[in-house]
PDB file of N, CA and C in Angstrom:
ATOM      1  N   MET A   1     247.967 121.277  57.408  1.00  0.00           N
ATOM      2  CA  MET A   1     248.138 122.676  57.772  1.00  0.00           C
ATOM      3  C   MET A   1     246.888 123.441  57.338  1.00  0.00           C
ATOM      4  N   TYR A   2     246.419 124.286  58.218  1.00  0.00           N
ATOM      5  CA  TYR A   2     245.240 125.107  57.969  1.00  0.00           C
ATOM      6  C   TYR A   2     245.699 126.507  57.575  1.00  0.00           C
ATOM      7  N   GLN A   3     245.018 127.114  56.611  1.00  0.00           N
ATOM      8  CA  GLN A   3     245.333 128.476  56.163  1.00  0.00           C
ATOM      9  C   GLN A   3     244.141 129.378  56.414  1.00  0.00           C
ATOM     10  N   TYR A   4     244.413 130.563  56.937  1.00  0.00           N
ATOM     11  CA  TYR A   4     243.373 131.558  57.198  1.00  0.00           C
ATOM     12  C   TYR A   4     243.837 132.897  56.647  1.00  0.00           C
ATOM     13  N   THR A   5     242.921 133.623  56.015  1.00  0.00           N
ATOM     14  CA  THR A   5     243.211 134.955  55.513  1.00  0.00           C
ATOM     15  C   THR A   5     242.610 135.980  56.466  1.00  0.00           C
ATOM     16  N   PRO A   6     243.459 136.677  57.244  1.00  0.00           N
ATOM     17  CA  PRO A   6     242.954 137.657  58.202  1.00  0.00           C
ATOM     18  C   PRO A   6     242.369 138.881  57.505  1.00  0.00           C
ATOM     19  N   ARG A   7     241.509 139.591  58.224  1.00  0.00           N
ATOM     20  CA  ARG A   7     240.860 140.785  57.689  1.00  0.00           C
ATOM     21  C   ARG A   7     241.137 141.973  58.618  1.00  0.00           C
ATOM     22  N   GLY A   8     241.467 143.112  58.018  1.00  0.00           N
ATOM     23  CA  GLY A   8     241.628 144.335  58.785  1.00  0.00           C
ATOM     24  C   GLY A   8     242.934 144.477  59.537  1.00  0.00           C
ATOM     25  N   VAL A   9     243.927 143.658  59.197  1.00  0.00           N
ATOM     26  CA  VAL A   9     245.233 143.714  59.861  1.00  0.00           C
ATOM     27  C   VAL A   9     246.347 143.658  58.817  1.00  0.00           C
ATOM     28  N   CYS A  10     247.571 143.834  59.269  1.00  0.00           N
ATOM     29  CA  CYS A  10     248.722 143.848  58.359  1.00  0.00           C
ATOM     30  C   CYS A  10     249.102 142.464  57.840  1.00  0.00           C
ATOM     31  N   SER A  11     248.920 141.434  58.649  1.00  0.00           N
ATOM     32  CA  SER A  11     249.318 140.097  58.189  1.00  0.00           C
ATOM     33  C   SER A  11     248.379 139.638  57.074  1.00  0.00           C
ATOM     34  N   GLN A  12     248.957 138.894  56.138  1.00  0.00           N
ATOM     35  CA  GLN A  12     248.217 138.472  54.950  1.00  0.00           C
ATOM     36  C   GLN A  12     247.658 137.062  55.070  1.00  0.00           C
ATOM     37  N   TYR A  13     248.375 136.197  55.761  1.00  0.00           N
ATOM     38  CA  TYR A  13     247.943 134.815  55.953  1.00  0.00           C
ATOM     39  C   TYR A  13     248.374 134.336  57.324  1.00  0.00           C
ATOM     40  N   ILE A  14     247.624 133.370  57.846  1.00  0.00           N
ATOM     41  CA  ILE A  14     248.013 132.672  59.062  1.00  0.00           C
ATOM     42  C   ILE A  14     247.933 131.182  58.749  1.00  0.00           C
ATOM     43  N   TYR A  15     249.010 130.466  59.018  1.00  0.00           N
ATOM     44  CA  TYR A  15     249.059 129.020  58.843  1.00  0.00           C
ATOM     45  C   TYR A  15     249.244 128.375  60.205  1.00  0.00           C
ATOM     46  N   PHE A  16     248.589 127.247  60.417  1.00  0.00           N
ATOM     47  CA  PHE A  16     248.766 126.536  61.687  1.00  0.00           C
ATOM     48  C   PHE A  16     248.261 125.112  61.554  1.00  0.00           C
ATOM     49  N   ASP A  17     248.684 124.290  62.505  1.00  0.00           N
ATOM     50  CA  ASP A  17     248.199 122.922  62.645  1.00  0.00           C
ATOM     51  C   ASP A  17     247.520 122.805  63.995  1.00  0.00           C
ATOM     52  N   VAL A  18     246.666 121.811  64.103  1.00  0.00           N
ATOM     53  CA  VAL A  18     246.102 121.427  65.398  1.00  0.00           C
ATOM     54  C   VAL A  18     246.366 119.935  65.545  1.00  0.00           C
ATOM     55  N   VAL A  19     247.066 119.569  66.609  1.00  0.00           N
ATOM     56  CA  VAL A  19     247.413 118.178  66.875  1.00  0.00           C
ATOM     57  C   VAL A  19     246.902 117.829  68.267  1.00  0.00           C
ATOM     58  N   ASP A  20     246.022 116.848  68.334  1.00  0.00           N
ATOM     59  CA  ASP A  20     245.438 116.423  69.610  1.00  0.00           C
ATOM     60  C   ASP A  20     244.812 117.592  70.372  1.00  0.00           C
ATOM     61  N   GLY A  21     244.135 118.484  69.630  1.00  0.00           N
ATOM     62  CA  GLY A  21     243.446 119.610  70.252  1.00  0.00           C
ATOM     63  C   GLY A  21     244.341 120.763  70.664  1.00  0.00           C
ATOM     64  N   LYS A  22     245.613 120.708  70.256  1.00  0.00           N
ATOM     65  CA  LYS A  22     246.561 121.754  70.626  1.00  0.00           C
ATOM     66  C   LYS A  22     247.119 122.448  69.387  1.00  0.00           C
ATOM     67  N   VAL A  23     247.354 123.745  69.517  1.00  0.00           N
ATOM     68  CA  VAL A  23     247.878 124.574  68.438  1.00  0.00           C
ATOM     69  C   VAL A  23     249.351 124.248  68.206  1.00  0.00           C
ATOM     70  N   LYS A  24     249.718 124.112  66.940  1.00  0.00           N
ATOM     71  CA  LYS A  24     251.100 123.803  66.572  1.00  0.00           C
ATOM     72  C   LYS A  24     251.478 124.559  65.297  1.00  0.00           C
ATOM     73  N   ASN A  25     252.764 124.842  65.159  1.00  0.00           N
ATOM     74  CA  ASN A  25     253.346 125.348  63.911  1.00  0.00           C
ATOM     75  C   ASN A  25     252.662 126.610  63.380  1.00  0.00           C
ATOM     76  N   VAL A  26     252.443 127.595  64.228  1.00  0.00           N
ATOM     77  CA  VAL A  26     251.777 128.832  63.803  1.00  0.00           C
ATOM     78  C   VAL A  26     252.767 129.702  63.035  1.00  0.00           C
ATOM     79  N   GLU A  27     252.322 130.196  61.888  1.00  0.00           N
ATOM     80  CA  GLU A  27     253.145 131.094  61.082  1.00  0.00           C
ATOM     81  C   GLU A  27     252.273 132.200  60.516  1.00  0.00           C
ATOM     82  N   PHE A  28     252.651 133.434  60.802  1.00  0.00           N
ATOM     83  CA  PHE A  28     251.992 134.602  60.231  1.00  0.00           C
ATOM     84  C   PHE A  28     252.831 135.080  59.051  1.00  0.00           C
ATOM     85  N   ILE A  29     252.181 135.424  57.965  1.00  0.00           N
ATOM     86  CA  ILE A  29     252.856 136.005  56.809  1.00  0.00           C
ATOM     87  C   ILE A  29     252.481 137.485  56.774  1.00  0.00           C
ATOM     88  N   GLY A  30     253.486 138.345  56.837  1.00  0.00           N
ATOM     89  CA  GLY A  30     253.259 139.788  56.909  1.00  0.00           C
ATOM     90  C   GLY A  30     253.028 140.205  58.355  1.00  0.00           C
ATOM     91  N   GLY A  31     252.899 141.493  58.568  1.00  0.00           N
ATOM     92  CA  GLY A  31     252.662 142.001  59.908  1.00  0.00           C
ATOM     93  C   GLY A  31     253.954 142.275  60.657  1.00  0.00           C
ATOM     94  N   CYS A  32     253.833 142.501  61.943  1.00  0.00           N
ATOM     95  CA  CYS A  32     254.972 142.844  62.818  1.00  0.00           C
ATOM     96  C   CYS A  32     255.715 141.563  63.186  1.00  0.00           C
ATOM     97  N   ASP A  33     256.788 141.305  62.488  1.00  0.00           N
ATOM     98  CA  ASP A  33     257.476 140.019  62.557  1.00  0.00           C
ATOM     99  C   ASP A  33     257.827 139.578  63.974  1.00  0.00           C
ATOM    100  N   GLY A  34     258.456 140.428  64.747  1.00  0.00           N
ATOM    101  CA  GLY A  34     258.878 140.035  66.094  1.00  0.00           C
ATOM    102  C   GLY A  34     257.699 139.698  66.988  1.00  0.00           C
ATOM    103  N   ASN A  35     256.687 140.548  66.987  1.00  0.00           N
ATOM    104  CA  ASN A  35     255.508 140.292  67.814  1.00  0.00           C
ATOM    105  C   ASN A  35     254.801 139.008  67.402  1.00  0.00           C
ATOM    106  N   LEU A  36     254.697 138.791  66.114  1.00  0.00           N
ATOM    107  CA  LEU A  36     253.976 137.611  65.643  1.00  0.00           C
ATOM    108  C   LEU A  36     254.762 136.332  65.875  1.00  0.00           C
ATOM    109  N   GLN A  37     256.096 136.406  65.831  1.00  0.00           N
ATOM    110  CA  GLN A  37     256.897 135.244  66.207  1.00  0.00           C
ATOM    111  C   GLN A  37     256.688 134.927  67.687  1.00  0.00           C
ATOM    112  N   GLY A  38     256.609 135.981  68.504  1.00  0.00           N
ATOM    113  CA  GLY A  38     256.369 135.783  69.933  1.00  0.00           C
ATOM    114  C   GLY A  38     255.033 135.128  70.198  1.00  0.00           C
ATOM    115  N   ILE A  39     253.991 135.606  69.539  1.00  0.00           N
ATOM    116  CA  ILE A  39     252.661 135.015  69.706  1.00  0.00           C
ATOM    117  C   ILE A  39     252.686 133.557  69.263  1.00  0.00           C
ATOM    118  N   SER A  40     253.327 133.302  68.130  1.00  0.00           N
ATOM    119  CA  SER A  40     253.395 131.936  67.605  1.00  0.00           C
ATOM    120  C   SER A  40     254.041 130.988  68.604  1.00  0.00           C
ATOM    121  N   ARG A  41     255.104 131.425  69.235  1.00  0.00           N
ATOM    122  CA  ARG A  41     255.797 130.576  70.202  1.00  0.00           C
ATOM    123  C   ARG A  41     254.996 130.418  71.492  1.00  0.00           C
ATOM    124  N   LEU A  42     254.326 131.489  71.911  1.00  0.00           N
ATOM    125  CA  LEU A  42     253.555 131.426  73.154  1.00  0.00           C
ATOM    126  C   LEU A  42     252.359 130.478  73.052  1.00  0.00           C
ATOM    127  N   VAL A  43     251.726 130.419  71.885  1.00  0.00           N
ATOM    128  CA  VAL A  43     250.536 129.561  71.754  1.00  0.00           C
ATOM    129  C   VAL A  43     250.882 128.133  71.357  1.00  0.00           C
ATOM    130  N   ASP A  44     252.119 127.880  70.965  1.00  0.00           N
ATOM    131  CA  ASP A  44     252.505 126.528  70.554  1.00  0.00           C
ATOM    132  C   ASP A  44     252.272 125.551  71.704  1.00  0.00           C
ATOM    133  N   GLY A  45     251.467 124.548  71.464  1.00  0.00           N
ATOM    134  CA  GLY A  45     251.147 123.547  72.481  1.00  0.00           C
ATOM    135  C   GLY A  45     249.942 123.900  73.340  1.00  0.00           C
ATOM    136  N   MET A  46     249.384 125.084  73.142  1.00  0.00           N
ATOM    137  CA  MET A  46     248.229 125.522  73.918  1.00  0.00           C
ATOM    138  C   MET A  46     246.959 124.884  73.353  1.00  0.00           C
ATOM    139  N   LYS A  47     246.022 124.545  74.224  1.00  0.00           N
ATOM    140  CA  LYS A  47     244.740 124.026  73.767  1.00  0.00           C
ATOM    141  C   LYS A  47     244.032 125.097  72.940  1.00  0.00           C
ATOM    142  N   VAL A  48     243.334 124.658  71.910  1.00  0.00           N
ATOM    143  CA  VAL A  48     242.659 125.572  70.989  1.00  0.00           C
ATOM    144  C   VAL A  48     241.737 126.530  71.741  1.00  0.00           C
ATOM    145  N   ASP A  49     240.902 126.018  72.627  1.00  0.00           N
ATOM    146  CA  ASP A  49     239.954 126.873  73.342  1.00  0.00           C
ATOM    147  C   ASP A  49     240.655 127.889  74.238  1.00  0.00           C
ATOM    148  N   GLU A  50     241.760 127.507  74.844  1.00  0.00           N
ATOM    149  CA  GLU A  50     242.504 128.446  75.681  1.00  0.00           C
ATOM    150  C   GLU A  50     243.091 129.567  74.826  1.00  0.00           C
ATOM    151  N   ALA A  51     243.641 129.232  73.662  1.00  0.00           N
ATOM    152  CA  ALA A  51     244.187 130.256  72.767  1.00  0.00           C
ATOM    153  C   ALA A  51     243.088 131.214  72.322  1.00  0.00           C
ATOM    154  N   ILE A  52     241.915 130.687  71.998  1.00  0.00           N
ATOM    155  CA  ILE A  52     240.795 131.542  71.604  1.00  0.00           C
ATOM    156  C   ILE A  52     240.436 132.493  72.740  1.00  0.00           C
ATOM    157  N   ASP A  53     240.300 131.957  73.939  1.00  0.00           N
ATOM    158  CA  ASP A  53     239.940 132.786  75.098  1.00  0.00           C
ATOM    159  C   ASP A  53     240.965 133.886  75.361  1.00  0.00           C
ATOM    160  N   ARG A  54     242.234 133.571  75.237  1.00  0.00           N
ATOM    161  CA  ARG A  54     243.282 134.544  75.554  1.00  0.00           C
ATOM    162  C   ARG A  54     243.442 135.615  74.479  1.00  0.00           C
ATOM    163  N   LEU A  55     243.202 135.274  73.215  1.00  0.00           N
ATOM    164  CA  LEU A  55     243.499 136.192  72.112  1.00  0.00           C
ATOM    165  C   LEU A  55     242.290 136.949  71.580  1.00  0.00           C
ATOM    166  N   SER A  56     241.120 136.425  71.798  1.00  0.00           N
ATOM    167  CA  SER A  56     239.904 137.034  71.258  1.00  0.00           C
ATOM    168  C   SER A  56     239.667 138.422  71.848  1.00  0.00           C
ATOM    169  N   GLY A  57     239.369 139.370  70.978  1.00  0.00           N
ATOM    170  CA  GLY A  57     239.012 140.716  71.415  1.00  0.00           C
ATOM    171  C   GLY A  57     240.173 141.681  71.556  1.00  0.00           C
ATOM    172  N   ILE A  58     241.406 141.230  71.337  1.00  0.00           N
ATOM    173  CA  ILE A  58     242.562 142.138  71.413  1.00  0.00           C
ATOM    174  C   ILE A  58     242.495 143.099  70.224  1.00  0.00           C
ATOM    175  N   LYS A  59     242.698 144.372  70.493  1.00  0.00           N
ATOM    176  CA  LYS A  59     242.663 145.388  69.443  1.00  0.00           C
ATOM    177  C   LYS A  59     244.063 145.916  69.182  1.00  0.00           C
ATOM    178  N   CYS A  60     244.267 146.458  67.989  1.00  0.00           N
ATOM    179  CA  CYS A  60     245.544 147.049  67.598  1.00  0.00           C
ATOM    180  C   CYS A  60     245.304 148.530  67.311  1.00  0.00           C
ATOM    181  N   GLY A  61     245.791 149.378  68.209  1.00  0.00           N
ATOM    182  CA  GLY A  61     245.606 150.816  68.022  1.00  0.00           C
ATOM    183  C   GLY A  61     244.134 151.169  67.919  1.00  0.00           C
ATOM    184  N   HIS A  62     243.764 151.868  66.864  1.00  0.00           N
ATOM    185  CA  HIS A  62     242.378 152.281  66.649  1.00  0.00           C
ATOM    186  C   HIS A  62     241.535 151.228  65.929  1.00  0.00           C
ATOM    187  N   LYS A  63     242.147 150.139  65.519  1.00  0.00           N
ATOM    188  CA  LYS A  63     241.428 149.078  64.803  1.00  0.00           C
ATOM    189  C   LYS A  63     240.583 148.264  65.780  1.00  0.00           C
ATOM    190  N   ASP A  64     239.514 147.700  65.286  1.00  0.00           N
ATOM    191  CA  ASP A  64     238.643 146.858  66.107  1.00  0.00           C
ATOM    192  C   ASP A  64     239.150 145.432  66.239  1.00  0.00           C
ATOM    193  N   THR A  65     240.277 145.135  65.611  1.00  0.00           N
ATOM    194  CA  THR A  65     240.834 143.788  65.633  1.00  0.00           C
ATOM    195  C   THR A  65     242.358 143.892  65.684  1.00  0.00           C
ATOM    196  N   SER A  66     243.015 142.758  65.689  1.00  0.00           N
ATOM    197  CA  SER A  66     244.484 142.685  65.702  1.00  0.00           C
ATOM    198  C   SER A  66     244.877 141.335  65.122  1.00  0.00           C
ATOM    199  N   CYS A  67     246.158 141.132  64.923  1.00  0.00           N
ATOM    200  CA  CYS A  67     246.614 139.817  64.456  1.00  0.00           C
ATOM    201  C   CYS A  67     246.280 138.713  65.466  1.00  0.00           C
ATOM    202  N   PRO A  68     246.465 138.932  66.783  1.00  0.00           N
ATOM    203  CA  PRO A  68     246.064 137.889  67.732  1.00  0.00           C
ATOM    204  C   PRO A  68     244.559 137.617  67.679  1.00  0.00           C
ATOM    205  N   ASP A  69     243.754 138.672  67.571  1.00  0.00           N
ATOM    206  CA  ASP A  69     242.305 138.504  67.472  1.00  0.00           C
ATOM    207  C   ASP A  69     241.947 137.734  66.205  1.00  0.00           C
ATOM    208  N   GLN A  70     242.608 138.049  65.109  1.00  0.00           N
ATOM    209  CA  GLN A  70     242.351 137.335  63.864  1.00  0.00           C
ATOM    210  C   GLN A  70     242.759 135.871  63.970  1.00  0.00           C
ATOM    211  N   PHE A  71     243.817 135.600  64.710  1.00  0.00           N
ATOM    212  CA  PHE A  71     244.203 134.205  64.922  1.00  0.00           C
ATOM    213  C   PHE A  71     243.125 133.477  65.721  1.00  0.00           C
ATOM    214  N   SER A  72     242.522 134.150  66.705  1.00  0.00           N
ATOM    215  CA  SER A  72     241.428 133.511  67.457  1.00  0.00           C
ATOM    216  C   SER A  72     240.260 133.211  66.521  1.00  0.00           C
ATOM    217  N   LYS A  73     240.001 134.101  65.569  1.00  0.00           N
ATOM    218  CA  LYS A  73     238.936 133.863  64.590  1.00  0.00           C
ATOM    219  C   LYS A  73     239.288 132.685  63.680  1.00  0.00           C
ATOM    220  N   ALA A  74     240.568 132.569  63.334  1.00  0.00           N
ATOM    221  CA  ALA A  74     241.024 131.432  62.528  1.00  0.00           C
ATOM    222  C   ALA A  74     240.787 130.125  63.274  1.00  0.00           C
ATOM    223  N   LEU A  75     241.089 130.125  64.565  1.00  0.00           N
ATOM    224  CA  LEU A  75     240.875 128.920  65.373  1.00  0.00           C
ATOM    225  C   LEU A  75     239.392 128.594  65.505  1.00  0.00           C
ATOM    226  N   MET A  76     238.552 129.616  65.648  1.00  0.00           N
ATOM    227  CA  MET A  76     237.099 129.369  65.718  1.00  0.00           C
ATOM    228  C   MET A  76     236.591 128.796  64.398  1.00  0.00           C
ATOM    229  N   GLU A  77     237.083 129.335  63.286  1.00  0.00           N
ATOM    230  CA  GLU A  77     236.694 128.813  61.978  1.00  0.00           C
ATOM    231  C   GLU A  77     237.140 127.354  61.842  1.00  0.00           C
ATOM    232  N   TYR A  78     238.351 127.073  62.270  1.00  0.00           N
ATOM    233  CA  TYR A  78     238.863 125.706  62.246  1.00  0.00           C
ATOM    234  C   TYR A  78     237.938 124.777  63.041  1.00  0.00           C
ATOM    235  N   LYS A  79     237.566 125.201  64.258  1.00  0.00           N
ATOM    236  CA  LYS A  79     236.685 124.379  65.096  1.00  0.00           C
ATOM    237  C   LYS A  79     235.352 124.131  64.413  1.00  0.00           C
ATOM    238  N   ASN A  80     234.774 125.156  63.797  1.00  0.00           N
ATOM    239  CA  ASN A  80     233.492 124.999  63.103  1.00  0.00           C
ATOM    240  C   ASN A  80     233.596 124.008  61.955  1.00  0.00           C
ATOM    241  N   ILE A  81     234.658 124.083  61.196  1.00  0.00           N
ATOM    242  CA  ILE A  81     234.855 123.154  60.069  1.00  0.00           C
ATOM    243  C   ILE A  81     235.044 121.736  60.573  1.00  0.00           C
ATOM    244  N   GLU A  82     235.832 121.582  61.633  1.00  0.00           N
ATOM    245  CA  GLU A  82     236.076 120.258  62.181  1.00  0.00           C
ATOM    246  C   GLU A  82     234.792 119.645  62.753  1.00  0.00           C
ATOM    247  N   GLN A  83     233.976 120.426  63.406  1.00  0.00           N
ATOM    248  CA  GLN A  83     232.724 119.925  63.988  1.00  0.00           C
ATOM    249  C   GLN A  83     231.748 119.482  62.896  1.00  0.00           C
ATOM    250  N   LYS A  84     231.739 120.210  61.779  1.00  0.00           N
ATOM    251  CA  LYS A  84     230.849 119.850  60.671  1.00  0.00           C
ATOM    252  C   LYS A  84     231.275 118.547  60.004  1.00  0.00           C
ATOM    253  N   SER A  85     232.595 118.261  60.050  1.00  0.00           N
ATOM    254  CA  SER A  85     233.085 117.055  59.389  1.00  0.00           C
ATOM    255  C   SER A  85     232.896 115.793  60.232  1.00  0.00           C
ATOM    256  N   LEU A  86     232.473 115.970  61.477  1.00  0.00           N
ATOM    257  CA  LEU A  86     232.283 114.788  62.351  1.00  0.00           C
ATOM    258  C   LEU A  86     231.000 114.063  62.059  1.00  0.00           C
TER     259      LEU A  86
END
């Protein structure tokens, strides 16, 4: 399980797995519970790059980021770490 600490949003942590290049078991700690459960279910089984493309750049109100945007950043960080370990 991968852990990411989002910045500039209400959620405090994002946990997720990647299995065979697909997002699995996404859990947000804190934030808007219903919306984040919905996002977690929608991306389950989605390819990492597709999730990044769909979620990157989403804003929340006047903020320059959002929980979905932060999740895309978590996935990008995951990809960078995985590429370095190869």
